[in-house]
N, C-alpha and C. Protein backbone atom coordinates (compact mmCIF):
# COMPACT_ATOMS: atom_id res chain seq x y z
N MET A 1 17.60 -14.01 -0.06
CA MET A 1 16.28 -14.20 0.49
C MET A 1 16.39 -15.71 1.04
N ASN A 2 15.67 -16.00 2.14
CA ASN A 2 15.89 -17.19 2.91
C ASN A 2 14.55 -18.24 2.35
N GLN A 3 14.41 -19.34 2.73
CA GLN A 3 13.44 -20.18 2.05
C GLN A 3 11.89 -19.75 2.39
N ASN A 4 12.15 -19.31 3.68
CA ASN A 4 10.75 -18.59 4.36
C ASN A 4 10.21 -17.42 3.61
N GLN A 5 11.23 -16.73 3.25
CA GLN A 5 10.62 -15.51 2.46
C GLN A 5 10.19 -15.95 1.07
N ILE A 6 11.12 -16.87 0.21
CA ILE A 6 10.55 -17.27 -1.07
C ILE A 6 9.44 -17.70 -1.18
N MET A 7 9.19 -18.63 -0.21
CA MET A 7 7.75 -19.36 -0.27
C MET A 7 6.54 -18.19 0.09
N TYR A 8 6.71 -17.26 1.12
CA TYR A 8 5.89 -16.12 1.49
C TYR A 8 5.51 -15.33 0.01
N ARG A 9 6.77 -15.11 -0.47
CA ARG A 9 6.64 -14.00 -1.69
C ARG A 9 5.90 -14.96 -3.04
N GLN A 10 6.20 -16.25 -3.16
CA GLN A 10 5.56 -16.61 -4.09
C GLN A 10 3.91 -16.57 -3.97
N TYR A 11 3.53 -16.95 -2.45
CA TYR A 11 1.96 -16.85 -2.33
C TYR A 11 1.75 -15.59 -2.56
N PHE A 12 2.46 -14.45 -1.80
CA PHE A 12 2.16 -13.15 -1.93
C PHE A 12 1.70 -12.89 -3.36
N ILE A 13 2.84 -12.95 -4.27
CA ILE A 13 2.50 -12.69 -5.90
C ILE A 13 1.29 -13.29 -6.45
N GLN A 14 0.81 -14.92 -6.03
CA GLN A 14 -0.26 -15.36 -6.45
C GLN A 14 -1.23 -14.47 -5.99
N GLN A 15 -1.38 -13.81 -4.91
CA GLN A 15 -2.50 -13.31 -4.29
C GLN A 15 -2.56 -11.83 -4.96
N LEU A 16 -1.29 -11.48 -5.46
CA LEU A 16 -1.43 -10.28 -5.90
C LEU A 16 -1.98 -10.15 -7.56
N GLU A 17 -1.48 -11.17 -8.21
CA GLU A 17 -2.24 -11.42 -9.32
C GLU A 17 -3.54 -11.71 -9.43
N PHE A 18 -4.01 -12.31 -8.49
CA PHE A 18 -5.52 -12.61 -8.41
C PHE A 18 -6.35 -11.24 -8.26
N ARG A 19 -5.66 -10.29 -7.56
CA ARG A 19 -6.21 -8.93 -7.29
C ARG A 19 -5.86 -8.07 -8.21
N GLU A 20 -5.43 -8.44 -9.54
CA GLU A 20 -5.15 -7.36 -10.39
C GLU A 20 -3.86 -6.65 -10.10
N TYR A 21 -2.92 -6.92 -9.17
CA TYR A 21 -1.84 -6.27 -8.88
C TYR A 21 -2.28 -5.12 -8.13
N ASP A 22 -3.35 -5.30 -7.39
CA ASP A 22 -3.57 -4.10 -6.31
C ASP A 22 -2.78 -4.51 -5.05
N LEU A 23 -1.79 -3.62 -4.74
CA LEU A 23 -1.03 -4.14 -3.57
C LEU A 23 -1.77 -3.95 -2.33
N GLU A 24 -2.59 -2.80 -2.08
CA GLU A 24 -3.46 -2.33 -1.26
C GLU A 24 -4.44 -3.56 -0.71
N LYS A 25 -5.27 -3.80 -1.85
CA LYS A 25 -6.17 -4.97 -1.77
C LYS A 25 -5.74 -6.18 -1.41
N THR A 26 -4.22 -6.67 -2.01
CA THR A 26 -3.72 -7.92 -1.45
C THR A 26 -3.59 -7.89 0.06
N ILE A 27 -2.86 -6.94 0.34
CA ILE A 27 -2.50 -6.71 1.95
C ILE A 27 -3.90 -6.94 2.86
N ILE A 28 -4.61 -6.24 2.49
CA ILE A 28 -5.95 -6.07 3.37
C ILE A 28 -6.73 -7.53 3.34
N ALA A 29 -6.50 -8.49 2.05
CA ALA A 29 -7.34 -9.35 1.87
C ALA A 29 -6.47 -10.65 2.50
N MET A 30 -4.87 -10.66 2.35
CA MET A 30 -4.18 -11.69 3.09
C MET A 30 -4.35 -11.58 4.74
N SER A 31 -4.40 -10.25 4.92
CA SER A 31 -4.75 -10.04 6.67
C SER A 31 -6.00 -10.70 7.06
N LYS A 32 -7.15 -10.33 6.24
CA LYS A 32 -8.43 -10.88 6.62
C LYS A 32 -8.63 -12.33 6.62
N ASN A 33 -7.58 -13.13 5.72
CA ASN A 33 -7.88 -14.44 5.48
C ASN A 33 -6.54 -15.24 5.83
N PHE A 34 -6.02 -14.76 6.76
CA PHE A 34 -4.76 -15.43 7.24
C PHE A 34 -5.21 -16.93 7.68
N ALA A 35 -6.15 -17.08 8.31
CA ALA A 35 -6.38 -18.39 8.70
C ALA A 35 -6.52 -19.45 7.70
N SER A 36 -6.91 -18.96 6.48
CA SER A 36 -7.04 -19.79 5.34
C SER A 36 -6.18 -20.01 4.25
N MET A 37 -4.75 -19.19 4.88
CA MET A 37 -3.43 -19.59 4.15
C MET A 37 -3.17 -20.97 4.19
N PRO A 38 -2.40 -21.54 3.01
CA PRO A 38 -2.02 -22.79 3.28
C PRO A 38 -1.21 -22.78 4.59
N ASN A 39 -1.05 -24.16 5.22
CA ASN A 39 -0.22 -24.18 6.54
C ASN A 39 1.12 -23.59 6.37
N ALA A 40 1.87 -24.37 5.04
CA ALA A 40 3.05 -24.08 5.02
C ALA A 40 3.45 -22.64 4.86
N VAL A 41 2.72 -21.87 4.18
CA VAL A 41 2.69 -20.34 4.12
C VAL A 41 2.56 -19.81 5.37
N ARG A 42 1.67 -20.05 6.17
CA ARG A 42 1.38 -19.44 7.46
C ARG A 42 2.61 -19.68 8.43
N GLU A 43 3.19 -21.09 8.49
CA GLU A 43 4.58 -21.36 9.12
C GLU A 43 5.67 -20.47 8.58
N ALA A 44 5.86 -20.42 7.28
CA ALA A 44 6.64 -19.66 6.67
C ALA A 44 6.74 -18.02 7.10
N HIS A 45 5.36 -17.52 7.11
CA HIS A 45 5.07 -16.07 7.56
C HIS A 45 5.69 -15.94 9.14
N SER A 46 5.11 -16.77 10.06
CA SER A 46 5.37 -16.97 11.42
C SER A 46 6.86 -16.77 11.81
N LYS A 47 7.58 -17.53 10.73
CA LYS A 47 9.14 -17.83 11.08
C LYS A 47 9.96 -16.25 10.55
N LEU A 48 9.15 -15.38 9.82
CA LEU A 48 9.47 -14.13 9.37
C LEU A 48 9.68 -12.81 10.31
N SER A 49 10.87 -12.25 10.20
CA SER A 49 10.66 -11.17 11.14
C SER A 49 10.07 -10.03 10.34
N VAL A 50 9.60 -8.73 11.19
CA VAL A 50 9.30 -7.88 10.51
C VAL A 50 9.93 -7.25 9.29
N SER A 51 11.18 -7.21 9.58
CA SER A 51 12.14 -6.63 8.38
C SER A 51 12.19 -7.71 7.43
N GLU A 52 11.92 -8.92 7.37
CA GLU A 52 11.76 -9.97 6.24
C GLU A 52 10.67 -9.85 5.69
N ARG A 53 9.67 -9.56 6.21
CA ARG A 53 8.23 -9.23 5.61
C ARG A 53 8.09 -8.06 4.87
N ASN A 54 8.64 -6.99 5.52
CA ASN A 54 8.66 -5.70 4.92
C ASN A 54 9.56 -5.78 3.74
N GLU A 55 10.57 -6.28 3.87
CA GLU A 55 11.44 -6.53 2.48
C GLU A 55 10.72 -7.04 1.31
N ILE A 56 9.91 -8.26 1.46
CA ILE A 56 8.97 -8.64 0.64
C ILE A 56 8.20 -7.89 -0.04
N ILE A 57 7.49 -7.10 0.90
CA ILE A 57 6.63 -5.98 0.33
C ILE A 57 7.19 -4.94 -0.39
N LYS A 58 8.13 -4.38 0.19
CA LYS A 58 9.09 -3.39 -0.42
C LYS A 58 9.20 -3.83 -1.72
N GLU A 59 10.13 -4.88 -1.91
CA GLU A 59 10.47 -5.37 -3.32
C GLU A 59 9.16 -5.57 -4.26
N LEU A 60 8.09 -5.67 -3.87
CA LEU A 60 6.96 -5.95 -4.65
C LEU A 60 6.58 -4.26 -5.03
N ALA A 61 6.50 -3.77 -3.88
CA ALA A 61 5.78 -2.25 -4.62
C ALA A 61 6.69 -1.46 -5.32
N MET A 62 8.20 -1.79 -5.14
CA MET A 62 9.04 -1.16 -6.01
C MET A 62 9.16 -1.72 -7.64
N MET A 63 8.46 -2.76 -7.41
CA MET A 63 8.44 -3.43 -9.02
C MET A 63 7.35 -2.68 -9.67
N GLY A 64 6.64 -2.05 -9.11
CA GLY A 64 5.26 -1.34 -9.67
C GLY A 64 4.84 -2.39 -10.91
N SER A 65 4.82 -1.59 -12.08
CA SER A 65 4.17 -2.10 -13.12
C SER A 65 4.87 -3.04 -13.74
N ASP A 66 6.17 -3.43 -13.31
CA ASP A 66 7.11 -4.56 -13.82
C ASP A 66 6.34 -5.78 -13.46
N VAL A 67 5.76 -5.99 -12.30
CA VAL A 67 5.09 -7.27 -11.73
C VAL A 67 3.75 -7.30 -12.64
N SER A 68 3.06 -6.29 -12.97
CA SER A 68 1.80 -6.43 -13.49
C SER A 68 2.05 -6.36 -15.09
N GLY A 69 2.89 -6.11 -15.69
CA GLY A 69 3.34 -5.97 -17.01
C GLY A 69 2.52 -4.84 -17.56
N ASP A 70 2.23 -3.69 -16.78
CA ASP A 70 1.51 -2.63 -17.50
C ASP A 70 2.45 -1.61 -17.95
């Protein structure tokens, strides 16, 4: 993973934890609140390709209950 992916992934995990590990709610909320993301995260996001962003989402989705501790 490159630095931009790492930064975006960390932010994504924070948002996922805040929404009790509901991936769907997290994706919707992040999309709706894109402008309120920290500047560094928005910049990292803008530098990622679709496949790089999808790689992060896929990883988090595959972790399932491992991420949430269920």
